[in-house]
Amino acid sequence: QMLIQRYYTFDEAVVRELLGKKLSSRQRKDLDDIEEKSGIPLTSCRRQFDNMKRIYKAVEDVEGSLVDSIRRLFLVPELMARQYASIVFMASCRFETGKKRLAYLSLDDFVFCTHQMMEHWTSTSKGDAAVDLDRAFLRQLADLKGLMGNKEALEQYRLAAAGILGKQTSSEKFRAIDSNFRTLFKALLRMGEGLIHSKDLKYFFSDLVEKFIELCRSLELGWKDVDTLLTCAIDVAPQLQVMRK
């Protein structure tokens, strides 16, 4: 058990460079660049790449839990299986993670985000692989694009949210959120609309940072403020007539 765990252990610096990329023979030939960036010997980079590719090939078409399948097939501990499940999911969706604006995000950040996506966004239909996103859910997100041009609906949304946010945030943060409510949610709606297309899905993390997170930073909103905002938006949405339609 210890030997297996040590063999499948990886360096975050190596995996971070490979996240979302196609695990191809061509990519394996380009590991010299990763060796130079990470300072990890080339032989170790190749071992880690081969392990990632081996696990990906073994579970890319399985149904059910990726974590359980990886633990069962490769006898690795749960934490490592969760990390490899994220690697597989990101390789399958081909998420772009190499842009400069994403450099501050760690492997753990991506592991957390992708497990939320796998839990809430993937298909549970029989015959679908564990990495398959729920197409019906993505179509529902795309249908929300009608809200972007509906000023009345967005204003109803803002007013409903304001009634709650005014009690849960400071007056300064509330003013920042309230005055930029439409801009914030139009950004989210545009991203949701595009997720059904593989090209837009690929740039999900990059778009999220550029179009939403950086806006929140410019408004000096902390993560607790953003959490309050999004939780409120989720709770309020079912009350709106346009959402019920």
Protein backbone atom coordinates (compact mmCIF):
# COMPACT_ATOMS: atom_id res chain seq x y z
CA GLN A 1 0.00 0.00 0.00
CA MET A 2 2.79 2.42 0.89
CA LEU A 3 4.69 1.61 -2.31
CA ILE A 4 1.59 2.25 -4.41
CA GLN A 5 0.92 5.54 -2.68
CA ARG A 6 4.52 6.71 -3.12
CA TYR A 7 4.48 5.73 -6.80
CA TYR A 8 1.32 7.76 -7.48
CA THR A 9 2.45 10.74 -5.39
CA PHE A 10 2.91 13.86 -7.50
CA ASP A 11 4.37 17.35 -7.24
CA GLU A 12 1.80 20.15 -7.36
CA ALA A 13 4.12 22.24 -9.55
CA VAL A 14 4.09 19.51 -12.22
CA VAL A 15 0.38 18.77 -12.10
CA ARG A 16 -0.51 22.47 -12.08
CA GLU A 17 1.26 22.87 -15.44
CA LEU A 18 -0.64 19.91 -16.93
CA LEU A 19 -4.14 20.67 -15.62
CA GLY A 20 -6.73 20.72 -18.39
CA LYS A 21 -4.28 19.71 -21.11
CA LYS A 22 -4.66 16.73 -23.39
CA LEU A 23 -2.52 13.91 -21.99
CA SER A 24 -1.06 13.00 -25.36
CA SER A 25 2.27 11.59 -26.54
CA ARG A 26 3.10 15.00 -27.93
CA GLN A 27 2.52 16.58 -24.54
CA ARG A 28 4.83 13.99 -22.98
CA LYS A 29 7.61 15.08 -25.32
CA ASP A 30 7.25 18.66 -24.09
CA LEU A 31 7.88 17.86 -20.43
CA ASP A 32 11.31 19.50 -20.65
CA ASP A 33 9.58 22.88 -20.24
CA ILE A 34 7.83 21.68 -17.09
CA GLU A 35 11.13 20.33 -15.75
CA GLU A 36 12.68 23.76 -16.25
CA LYS A 37 9.77 25.65 -14.67
CA SER A 38 9.24 23.33 -11.71
CA GLY A 39 12.78 22.19 -10.99
CA ILE A 40 11.52 18.58 -10.85
CA PRO A 41 13.75 16.02 -12.64
CA LEU A 42 12.50 14.97 -16.08
CA THR A 43 12.24 11.29 -15.06
CA SER A 44 9.88 12.27 -12.25
CA CYS A 45 7.84 14.51 -14.57
CA ARG A 46 7.45 11.58 -16.96
CA ARG A 47 6.36 9.23 -14.16
CA GLN A 48 3.76 11.73 -12.99
CA PHE A 49 2.51 12.34 -16.53
CA ASP A 50 2.25 8.59 -17.20
CA ASN A 51 0.33 8.07 -13.94
CA MET A 52 -2.12 10.82 -14.83
CA LYS A 53 -2.64 9.38 -18.30
CA ARG A 54 -3.02 5.82 -16.97
CA ILE A 55 -5.70 6.83 -14.51
CA TYR A 56 -7.46 9.02 -17.08
CA LYS A 57 -7.64 6.17 -19.60
CA ALA A 58 -8.92 3.76 -16.94
CA VAL A 59 -11.81 5.89 -15.70
CA GLU A 60 -12.76 8.35 -18.48
CA ASP A 61 -15.82 6.27 -19.46
CA VAL A 62 -16.87 4.88 -16.06
CA GLU A 63 -20.26 5.65 -14.56
CA GLY A 64 -20.75 6.70 -10.95
CA SER A 65 -18.19 8.23 -8.64
CA LEU A 66 -14.76 8.97 -10.12
CA VAL A 67 -13.22 8.99 -6.66
CA ASP A 68 -14.59 5.53 -5.82
CA SER A 69 -13.47 4.13 -9.17
CA ILE A 70 -9.93 5.49 -8.77
CA ARG A 71 -9.67 4.16 -5.22
CA ARG A 72 -10.91 0.74 -6.30
CA LEU A 73 -8.72 0.43 -9.40
CA PHE A 74 -5.49 1.99 -8.09
CA LEU A 75 -5.68 1.43 -4.32
CA VAL A 76 -4.74 5.02 -3.50
CA PRO A 77 -6.03 6.90 -0.40
CA GLU A 78 -9.18 9.01 -0.67
CA LEU A 79 -7.46 12.41 -0.72
CA MET A 80 -5.20 11.34 -3.59
CA ALA A 81 -8.18 9.81 -5.40
CA ARG A 82 -10.05 13.13 -5.09
CA GLN A 83 -7.08 14.96 -6.60
CA TYR A 84 -6.78 12.51 -9.48
CA ALA A 85 -10.56 12.72 -10.05
CA SER A 86 -10.18 16.47 -10.54
CA ILE A 87 -7.27 15.92 -12.91
CA VAL A 88 -9.38 13.51 -14.98
CA PHE A 89 -12.39 15.84 -15.02
CA MET A 90 -10.32 18.83 -16.07
CA ALA A 91 -8.54 16.86 -18.78
CA SER A 92 -11.89 15.66 -20.09
CA CYS A 93 -13.38 19.18 -20.21
CA ARG A 94 -10.07 20.66 -21.48
CA PHE A 95 -10.28 23.61 -19.10
CA GLU A 96 -7.76 26.34 -19.83
CA THR A 97 -5.70 26.91 -16.66
CA GLY A 98 -2.46 28.34 -18.02
CA LYS A 99 -3.44 31.99 -18.47
CA LYS A 100 -1.55 34.55 -16.41
CA ARG A 101 -4.70 35.71 -14.59
CA LEU A 102 -5.15 32.16 -13.25
CA ALA A 103 -1.57 31.78 -11.99
CA TYR A 104 -2.55 32.55 -8.40
CA LEU A 105 -4.93 29.58 -8.25
CA SER A 106 -3.46 26.46 -6.66
CA LEU A 107 -4.16 22.81 -7.37
CA ASP A 108 -6.31 22.70 -4.22
CA ASP A 109 -8.40 25.59 -5.57
CA PHE A 110 -9.12 23.65 -8.75
CA VAL A 111 -9.78 20.43 -6.82
CA PHE A 112 -12.40 22.18 -4.70
CA CYS A 113 -14.09 23.84 -7.69
CA THR A 114 -14.15 20.76 -9.88
CA HIS A 115 -15.62 18.60 -7.13
CA GLN A 116 -18.44 21.12 -6.76
CA MET A 117 -18.98 20.88 -10.51
CA MET A 118 -18.88 17.08 -10.50
CA GLU A 119 -21.36 16.95 -7.62
CA HIS A 120 -23.84 19.46 -9.03
CA TRP A 121 -23.28 19.74 -12.79
CA THR A 122 -22.60 16.22 -14.08
CA SER A 123 -25.16 13.81 -15.48
CA THR A 124 -26.67 11.04 -13.39
CA SER A 125 -28.35 9.36 -16.37
CA LYS A 126 -27.55 5.72 -16.96
CA GLY A 127 -24.98 5.28 -19.70
CA ASP A 128 -23.36 8.67 -19.15
CA ALA A 129 -19.78 8.78 -17.94
CA ALA A 130 -18.91 10.37 -14.60
CA VAL A 131 -17.17 13.23 -16.42
CA ASP A 132 -20.18 14.06 -18.64
CA LEU A 133 -21.86 17.36 -17.84
CA ASP A 134 -25.65 17.32 -17.56
CA ARG A 135 -26.80 18.69 -20.94
CA ALA A 136 -30.30 19.41 -19.66
CA PHE A 137 -28.84 21.56 -16.88
CA LEU A 138 -26.60 23.41 -19.35
CA ARG A 139 -29.61 24.08 -21.60
CA GLN A 140 -31.46 25.56 -18.61
CA LEU A 141 -28.51 27.88 -17.98
CA ALA A 142 -28.52 28.88 -21.65
CA ASP A 143 -32.26 29.65 -21.45
CA LEU A 144 -31.56 32.26 -18.77
CA LYS A 145 -29.99 34.50 -21.42
CA GLY A 146 -33.44 36.06 -21.87
CA LEU A 147 -32.96 37.76 -18.51
CA MET A 148 -30.04 39.83 -19.80
CA GLY A 149 -32.26 41.98 -22.02
CA ASN A 150 -35.17 42.07 -19.59
CA LYS A 151 -34.60 45.26 -17.58
CA GLU A 152 -37.83 44.83 -15.64
CA ALA A 153 -36.94 41.31 -14.53
CA LEU A 154 -33.40 42.32 -13.52
CA GLU A 155 -34.81 45.25 -11.55
CA GLN A 156 -37.25 42.92 -9.75
CA TYR A 157 -34.33 40.63 -9.01
CA ARG A 158 -32.23 43.52 -7.67
CA LEU A 159 -35.02 44.80 -5.44
CA ALA A 160 -35.79 41.36 -4.04
CA ALA A 161 -32.10 40.73 -3.31
CA ALA A 162 -31.63 44.21 -1.84
CA GLY A 163 -34.22 43.51 0.82
CA ILE A 164 -32.03 40.71 2.16
CA LEU A 165 -28.56 42.04 1.38
CA GLY A 166 -29.27 45.30 3.18
CA LYS A 167 -29.61 43.33 6.42
CA GLN A 168 -26.64 41.01 5.88
CA THR A 169 -23.88 43.32 4.62
CA SER A 170 -22.39 46.61 5.74
CA SER A 171 -23.90 49.77 4.28
CA GLU A 172 -20.73 50.37 2.24
CA LYS A 173 -20.68 46.87 0.73
CA PHE A 174 -24.42 46.96 0.14
CA ARG A 175 -24.13 50.17 -1.90
CA ALA A 176 -21.32 48.65 -3.99
CA ILE A 177 -23.33 45.50 -4.70
CA ASP A 178 -26.65 47.26 -5.28
CA SER A 179 -25.25 49.78 -7.76
CA ASN A 180 -23.47 47.05 -9.73
CA PHE A 181 -26.08 44.30 -9.40
CA ARG A 182 -27.02 44.19 -13.08
CA THR A 183 -23.38 44.17 -14.22
CA LEU A 184 -22.49 41.33 -11.82
CA PHE A 185 -25.39 39.12 -12.82
CA LYS A 186 -25.19 39.82 -16.51
CA ALA A 187 -21.60 38.54 -16.33
CA LEU A 188 -22.76 35.34 -14.65
CA LEU A 189 -25.66 34.90 -17.08
CA ARG A 190 -23.35 35.28 -20.08
CA MET A 191 -21.01 32.63 -18.71
CA GLY A 192 -23.90 30.29 -17.96
CA GLU A 193 -25.28 30.78 -21.47
CA GLY A 194 -22.00 29.68 -23.05
CA LEU A 195 -21.27 26.56 -20.99
CA ILE A 196 -23.25 24.35 -23.35
CA HIS A 197 -20.59 25.05 -26.01
CA SER A 198 -17.28 23.24 -25.49
CA LYS A 199 -15.28 26.28 -26.66
CA ASP A 200 -16.83 28.51 -23.97
CA LEU A 201 -16.66 25.75 -21.37
CA LYS A 202 -12.91 25.50 -21.94
CA TYR A 203 -12.44 29.09 -20.77
CA PHE A 204 -14.82 28.87 -17.80
CA PHE A 205 -12.19 29.55 -15.11
CA SER A 206 -10.54 32.31 -17.10
CA ASP A 207 -13.90 33.99 -17.79
CA LEU A 208 -14.98 33.62 -14.16
CA VAL A 209 -11.87 35.42 -12.94
CA GLU A 210 -11.84 38.10 -15.64
CA LYS A 211 -15.55 38.90 -15.80
CA PHE A 212 -16.76 38.30 -12.25
CA ILE A 213 -14.02 37.87 -9.64
CA GLU A 214 -11.96 40.85 -10.83
CA LEU A 215 -15.11 42.98 -10.80
CA CYS A 216 -15.77 41.88 -7.21
CA ARG A 217 -12.19 42.80 -6.33
CA SER A 218 -12.59 46.26 -7.87
CA LEU A 219 -15.65 46.74 -5.63
CA GLU A 220 -13.54 45.62 -2.66
CA LEU A 221 -15.84 42.68 -1.92
CA GLY A 222 -14.35 39.92 0.22
CA TRP A 223 -15.17 36.25 -0.18
CA LYS A 224 -17.79 36.48 2.59
CA ASP A 225 -19.50 39.34 0.76
CA VAL A 226 -19.54 37.36 -2.49
CA ASP A 227 -20.81 34.27 -0.67
CA THR A 228 -23.63 36.33 0.86
CA LEU A 229 -24.47 37.84 -2.54
CA LEU A 230 -24.63 34.52 -4.38
CA THR A 231 -26.51 32.74 -1.57
CA CYS A 232 -29.06 35.54 -1.56
CA ALA A 233 -29.38 35.39 -5.36
CA ILE A 234 -30.08 31.64 -5.20
CA ASP A 235 -32.66 32.04 -2.42
CA VAL A 236 -34.46 34.93 -4.12
CA ALA A 237 -34.59 33.54 -7.67
CA PRO A 238 -37.52 31.10 -7.15
CA GLN A 239 -39.67 34.01 -5.94
CA LEU A 240 -39.44 35.80 -9.29
CA GLN A 241 -42.20 35.20 -11.81
CA VAL A 242 -39.77 35.19 -14.74
CA MET A 243 -37.81 32.36 -13.10
CA ARG A 244 -40.91 30.27 -12.52
CA LYS A 245 -41.68 30.50 -16.23
